[in-house]
């Protein structure tokens, strides 16, 4: 989404045309999920809400739950609900 602010300024009908109300919406952000909860379905904003972790990239991403397999499991779990 290029601009969440512009999207949220649109009339509800325009927002619903782009993201149908019954759609399962996921956001994946290599940063804070703050704000994405306005767009994502409940529990479907995936990101990193902490800082200060250091180490090898793959190990840090896995520790933070932001590696491919963990994200895939989260998405599959939410889709089954």
C-alpha atoms as a PDB file:
ATOM      1  CA  UNK A   1       0.000   0.000   0.000  1.00  0.00           C
ATOM      2  CA  UNK A   2       1.762   3.176  -1.136  1.00  0.00           C
ATOM      3  CA  UNK A   3       0.038   5.448   1.408  1.00  0.00           C
ATOM      4  CA  UNK A   4      -2.078   4.213   4.285  1.00  0.00           C
ATOM      5  CA  UNK A   5      -2.988   7.808   5.101  1.00  0.00           C
ATOM      6  CA  UNK A   6      -4.443   8.462   1.644  1.00  0.00           C
ATOM      7  CA  UNK A   7      -6.263   5.128   1.685  1.00  0.00           C
ATOM      8  CA  UNK A   8      -7.885   5.906   5.046  1.00  0.00           C
ATOM      9  CA  UNK A   9      -8.947   9.364   3.816  1.00  0.00           C
ATOM     10  CA  UNK A  10     -11.059   7.760   1.068  1.00  0.00           C
ATOM     11  CA  UNK A  11     -14.791   7.185   1.559  1.00  0.00           C
ATOM     12  CA  UNK A  12     -15.638   3.788   3.025  1.00  0.00           C
ATOM     13  CA  UNK A  13     -17.106   2.690  -0.309  1.00  0.00           C
ATOM     14  CA  UNK A  14     -13.761   3.283  -2.047  1.00  0.00           C
ATOM     15  CA  UNK A  15     -11.877   1.441   0.699  1.00  0.00           C
ATOM     16  CA  UNK A  16     -14.297  -1.481   0.433  1.00  0.00           C
ATOM     17  CA  UNK A  17     -13.829  -1.581  -3.350  1.00  0.00           C
ATOM     18  CA  UNK A  18     -10.095  -2.088  -2.862  1.00  0.00           C
ATOM     19  CA  UNK A  19     -10.283  -4.329   0.216  1.00  0.00           C
ATOM     20  CA  UNK A  20     -13.634  -6.096   0.526  1.00  0.00           C
ATOM     21  CA  UNK A  21     -14.937  -6.098   4.122  1.00  0.00           C
ATOM     22  CA  UNK A  22     -14.948  -9.907   4.315  1.00  0.00           C
ATOM     23  CA  UNK A  23     -11.382 -10.311   2.961  1.00  0.00           C
ATOM     24  CA  UNK A  24      -8.663 -11.739   5.196  1.00  0.00           C
ATOM     25  CA  UNK A  25      -5.993  -9.039   5.069  1.00  0.00           C
ATOM     26  CA  UNK A  26      -2.385  -9.704   6.075  1.00  0.00           C
ATOM     27  CA  UNK A  27       0.351  -7.126   6.415  1.00  0.00           C
ATOM     28  CA  UNK A  28       4.002  -8.112   6.581  1.00  0.00           C
ATOM     29  CA  UNK A  29       6.342  -5.335   7.659  1.00  0.00           C
ATOM     30  CA  UNK A  30      10.050  -5.657   8.475  1.00  0.00           C
ATOM     31  CA  UNK A  31       9.436  -3.128  11.214  1.00  0.00           C
ATOM     32  CA  UNK A  32       6.742  -2.106  13.644  1.00  0.00           C
ATOM     33  CA  UNK A  33       3.189  -3.310  13.081  1.00  0.00           C
ATOM     34  CA  UNK A  34       1.923  -0.106  14.698  1.00  0.00           C
ATOM     35  CA  UNK A  35      -0.653   1.371  12.374  1.00  0.00           C
ATOM     36  CA  UNK A  36      -1.047  -1.740  10.230  1.00  0.00           C
ATOM     37  CA  UNK A  37      -3.728  -2.971  12.626  1.00  0.00           C
ATOM     38  CA  UNK A  38      -5.976  -0.408  10.955  1.00  0.00           C
ATOM     39  CA  UNK A  39      -5.742  -2.381   7.704  1.00  0.00           C
ATOM     40  CA  UNK A  40      -4.935  -5.981   8.676  1.00  0.00           C
ATOM     41  CA  UNK A  41      -7.489  -8.496   9.849  1.00  0.00           C
ATOM     42  CA  UNK A  42      -7.377  -9.269  13.563  1.00  0.00           C
ATOM     43  CA  UNK A  43      -4.084 -10.968  14.403  1.00  0.00           C
ATOM     44  CA  UNK A  44      -2.826 -10.707  10.823  1.00  0.00           C
ATOM     45  CA  UNK A  45      -0.366  -7.815  11.172  1.00  0.00           C
ATOM     46  CA  UNK A  46       3.026  -9.519  11.036  1.00  0.00           C
ATOM     47  CA  UNK A  47       6.139  -7.542  11.857  1.00  0.00           C
ATOM     48  CA  UNK A  48       8.896  -6.841  14.328  1.00  0.00           C
ATOM     49  CA  UNK A  49       7.751  -4.938  17.400  1.00  0.00           C
ATOM     50  CA  UNK A  50      11.044  -5.029  19.268  1.00  0.00           C
ATOM     51  CA  UNK A  51      14.543  -3.726  18.727  1.00  0.00           C
ATOM     52  CA  UNK A  52      18.069  -4.217  19.932  1.00  0.00           C
ATOM     53  CA  UNK A  53      18.570  -7.825  18.839  1.00  0.00           C
ATOM     54  CA  UNK A  54      21.899  -8.508  17.217  1.00  0.00           C
ATOM     55  CA  UNK A  55      23.508 -11.515  15.622  1.00  0.00           C
ATOM     56  CA  UNK A  56      23.548 -13.340  12.324  1.00  0.00           C
ATOM     57  CA  UNK A  57      20.660 -12.256  10.101  1.00  0.00           C
ATOM     58  CA  UNK A  58      18.969 -15.656   9.775  1.00  0.00           C
ATOM     59  CA  UNK A  59      19.232 -16.355  13.509  1.00  0.00           C
ATOM     60  CA  UNK A  60      17.881 -12.926  14.442  1.00  0.00           C
ATOM     61  CA  UNK A  61      14.948 -13.233  12.033  1.00  0.00           C
ATOM     62  CA  UNK A  62      14.091 -16.664  13.401  1.00  0.00           C
ATOM     63  CA  UNK A  63      14.386 -15.410  16.988  1.00  0.00           C
ATOM     64  CA  UNK A  64      12.019 -12.538  16.144  1.00  0.00           C
ATOM     65  CA  UNK A  65       9.569 -14.843  14.349  1.00  0.00           C
ATOM     66  CA  UNK A  66      10.161 -13.056  11.075  1.00  0.00           C
ATOM     67  CA  UNK A  67      11.700 -15.865   9.054  1.00  0.00           C
ATOM     68  CA  UNK A  68       9.918 -17.400   6.054  1.00  0.00           C
ATOM     69  CA  UNK A  69       8.747 -20.577   7.787  1.00  0.00           C
ATOM     70  CA  UNK A  70       7.363 -18.791  10.852  1.00  0.00           C
ATOM     71  CA  UNK A  71       5.512 -16.233   8.721  1.00  0.00           C
ATOM     72  CA  UNK A  72       4.144 -19.038   6.528  1.00  0.00           C
ATOM     73  CA  UNK A  73       2.891 -20.909   9.605  1.00  0.00           C
ATOM     74  CA  UNK A  74       1.211 -17.745  10.966  1.00  0.00           C
ATOM     75  CA  UNK A  75      -0.534 -17.072   7.655  1.00  0.00           C
ATOM     76  CA  UNK A  76      -1.648 -20.690   7.201  1.00  0.00           C
ATOM     77  CA  UNK A  77      -2.948 -20.800  10.783  1.00  0.00           C
ATOM     78  CA  UNK A  78      -5.006 -17.618  10.300  1.00  0.00           C
ATOM     79  CA  UNK A  79      -6.377 -18.852   6.972  1.00  0.00           C
ATOM     80  CA  UNK A  80      -7.632 -22.049   8.647  1.00  0.00           C
ATOM     81  CA  UNK A  81      -9.573 -20.041  11.236  1.00  0.00           C
END
